[in-house]
C-alpha atoms as a PDB file:
ATOM      1  CA  MET A   1      -4.478   6.970 -17.929  1.00  0.00           C
ATOM      2  CA  ARG A   2      -3.146   5.127 -14.887  1.00  0.00           C
ATOM      3  CA  LEU A   3      -5.265   3.935 -12.031  1.00  0.00           C
ATOM      4  CA  LYS A   4      -3.806   5.062  -8.725  1.00  0.00           C
ATOM      5  CA  ILE A   5      -4.627   3.259  -5.514  1.00  0.00           C
ATOM      6  CA  ASN A   6      -3.603   4.635  -2.155  1.00  0.00           C
ATOM      7  CA  LEU A   7      -2.311   1.481  -0.453  1.00  0.00           C
ATOM      8  CA  TYR A   8      -2.079   3.260   2.883  1.00  0.00           C
ATOM      9  CA  GLU A   9      -5.709   4.440   3.019  1.00  0.00           C
ATOM     10  CA  VAL A  10      -7.218   3.213   6.271  1.00  0.00           C
ATOM     11  CA  VAL A  11     -10.736   1.819   6.091  1.00  0.00           C
ATOM     12  CA  ASP A  12     -13.011   0.517   8.833  1.00  0.00           C
ATOM     13  CA  ASN A  13     -14.680  -2.794   8.057  1.00  0.00           C
ATOM     14  CA  SER A  14     -15.321  -6.270   9.406  1.00  0.00           C
ATOM     15  CA  CYS A  15     -11.858  -7.650   8.547  1.00  0.00           C
ATOM     16  CA  ARG A  16     -10.012  -4.711  10.061  1.00  0.00           C
ATOM     17  CA  ASN A  17     -11.995  -4.923  13.290  1.00  0.00           C
ATOM     18  CA  PHE A  18     -10.254  -8.178  14.246  1.00  0.00           C
ATOM     19  CA  PHE A  19      -7.042  -6.267  14.907  1.00  0.00           C
ATOM     20  CA  SER A  20      -6.080  -3.282  17.011  1.00  0.00           C
ATOM     21  CA  TYR A  21      -5.504  -0.070  15.138  1.00  0.00           C
ATOM     22  CA  GLY A  22      -2.082   0.545  13.730  1.00  0.00           C
ATOM     23  CA  LYS A  23      -0.009  -1.676  11.505  1.00  0.00           C
ATOM     24  CA  VAL A  24      -1.089  -5.278  11.016  1.00  0.00           C
ATOM     25  CA  HIS A  25       1.655  -7.807  10.427  1.00  0.00           C
ATOM     26  CA  VAL A  26       1.010 -10.827   8.201  1.00  0.00           C
ATOM     27  CA  LYS A  27       2.001 -13.128  11.085  1.00  0.00           C
ATOM     28  CA  VAL A  28      -0.818 -11.704  13.218  1.00  0.00           C
ATOM     29  CA  ILE A  29      -3.349 -12.510  10.476  1.00  0.00           C
ATOM     30  CA  PHE A  30      -1.917 -16.024  10.130  1.00  0.00           C
ATOM     31  CA  ASP A  31      -2.094 -16.587  13.896  1.00  0.00           C
ATOM     32  CA  THR A  32      -5.686 -15.316  13.944  1.00  0.00           C
ATOM     33  CA  LEU A  33      -6.640 -17.834  11.261  1.00  0.00           C
ATOM     34  CA  LEU A  34      -5.033 -20.681  13.196  1.00  0.00           C
ATOM     35  CA  LYS A  35      -7.009 -19.987  16.372  1.00  0.00           C
ATOM     36  CA  TYR A  36     -10.250 -18.900  14.672  1.00  0.00           C
ATOM     37  CA  ASP A  37     -13.396 -20.495  16.088  1.00  0.00           C
ATOM     38  CA  GLU A  38     -17.142 -19.927  16.079  1.00  0.00           C
ATOM     39  CA  HIS A  39     -16.889 -17.390  18.914  1.00  0.00           C
ATOM     40  CA  MET A  40     -14.880 -15.035  16.697  1.00  0.00           C
ATOM     41  CA  GLY A  41     -17.530 -14.864  13.989  1.00  0.00           C
ATOM     42  CA  ASP A  42     -18.983 -16.725  11.080  1.00  0.00           C
ATOM     43  CA  ILE A  43     -17.190 -18.554   8.276  1.00  0.00           C
ATOM     44  CA  GLU A  44     -17.436 -15.509   5.998  1.00  0.00           C
ATOM     45  CA  ASN A  45     -15.006 -13.605   8.202  1.00  0.00           C
ATOM     46  CA  PHE A  46     -12.596 -16.537   8.193  1.00  0.00           C
ATOM     47  CA  CYS A  47     -12.742 -16.628   4.390  1.00  0.00           C
ATOM     48  CA  ARG A  48     -12.173 -12.866   4.151  1.00  0.00           C
ATOM     49  CA  LEU A  49      -9.043 -13.152   6.282  1.00  0.00           C
ATOM     50  CA  TYR A  50      -7.817 -16.118   4.248  1.00  0.00           C
ATOM     51  CA  ILE A  51      -8.345 -14.223   0.973  1.00  0.00           C
ATOM     52  CA  LEU A  52      -6.632 -11.185   2.474  1.00  0.00           C
ATOM     53  CA  LEU A  53      -3.621 -13.293   3.392  1.00  0.00           C
ATOM     54  CA  SER A  54      -3.541 -14.791  -0.111  1.00  0.00           C
ATOM     55  CA  ILE A  55      -3.702 -11.392  -1.817  1.00  0.00           C
ATOM     56  CA  TYR A  56      -0.895 -10.151   0.386  1.00  0.00           C
ATOM     57  CA  ASP A  57       1.309 -13.204  -0.247  1.00  0.00           C
ATOM     58  CA  PHE A  58       0.867 -13.401  -4.011  1.00  0.00           C
ATOM     59  CA  LEU A  59       0.085  -9.892  -5.257  1.00  0.00           C
ATOM     60  CA  LEU A  60       1.365  -7.254  -2.844  1.00  0.00           C
ATOM     61  CA  PRO A  61       4.039  -8.647  -0.525  1.00  0.00           C
ATOM     62  CA  ASN A  62       6.481  -6.338   1.159  1.00  0.00           C
ATOM     63  CA  LYS A  63       9.631  -7.199   3.032  1.00  0.00           C
ATOM     64  CA  ASN A  64       8.402  -5.730   6.340  1.00  0.00           C
ATOM     65  CA  GLY A  65       5.466  -8.123   6.558  1.00  0.00           C
ATOM     66  CA  ILE A  66       3.031  -5.261   7.097  1.00  0.00           C
ATOM     67  CA  VAL A  67      -0.312  -5.636   5.290  1.00  0.00           C
ATOM     68  CA  PHE A  68      -1.416  -2.544   3.373  1.00  0.00           C
ATOM     69  CA  PRO A  69      -4.542  -1.091   5.044  1.00  0.00           C
ATOM     70  CA  ILE A  70      -6.480  -0.753   1.788  1.00  0.00           C
ATOM     71  CA  LEU A  71      -6.430  -4.549   1.324  1.00  0.00           C
ATOM     72  CA  PHE A  72      -8.886  -4.888   4.211  1.00  0.00           C
ATOM     73  CA  GLY A  73     -11.354  -2.676   2.363  1.00  0.00           C
ATOM     74  CA  ILE A  74     -10.849  -4.439  -0.962  1.00  0.00           C
ATOM     75  CA  VAL A  75     -11.533  -7.869   0.542  1.00  0.00           C
ATOM     76  CA  ASP A  76     -14.583  -6.625   2.449  1.00  0.00           C
ATOM     77  CA  THR A  77     -16.042  -4.849  -0.590  1.00  0.00           C
ATOM     78  CA  GLN A  78     -15.528  -7.821  -2.910  1.00  0.00           C
ATOM     79  CA  SER A  79     -17.072 -10.286  -0.489  1.00  0.00           C
ATOM     80  CA  ARG A  80     -20.256  -8.198  -0.351  1.00  0.00           C
ATOM     81  CA  LYS A  81     -20.574  -8.319  -4.152  1.00  0.00           C
ATOM     82  CA  ILE A  82     -20.511 -12.107  -4.301  1.00  0.00           C
END
């Protein structure tokens, strides 16, 4: 039996709320990390975005640079379990 994950499923969570709705490019996430400060949120959100960027770069890259929406939910869910 194969596990199927819908990579395009859109979820609403703390990581996704940093960006306007629609497609999120990896460059936008990188730029957000570079200018992140205490007014944007706590360190947990910074870490979530950093992990999201790492998952995208190493596990699920695509040539368009668009981050799959489901990754936002995966990062948010995993960070709550820790």
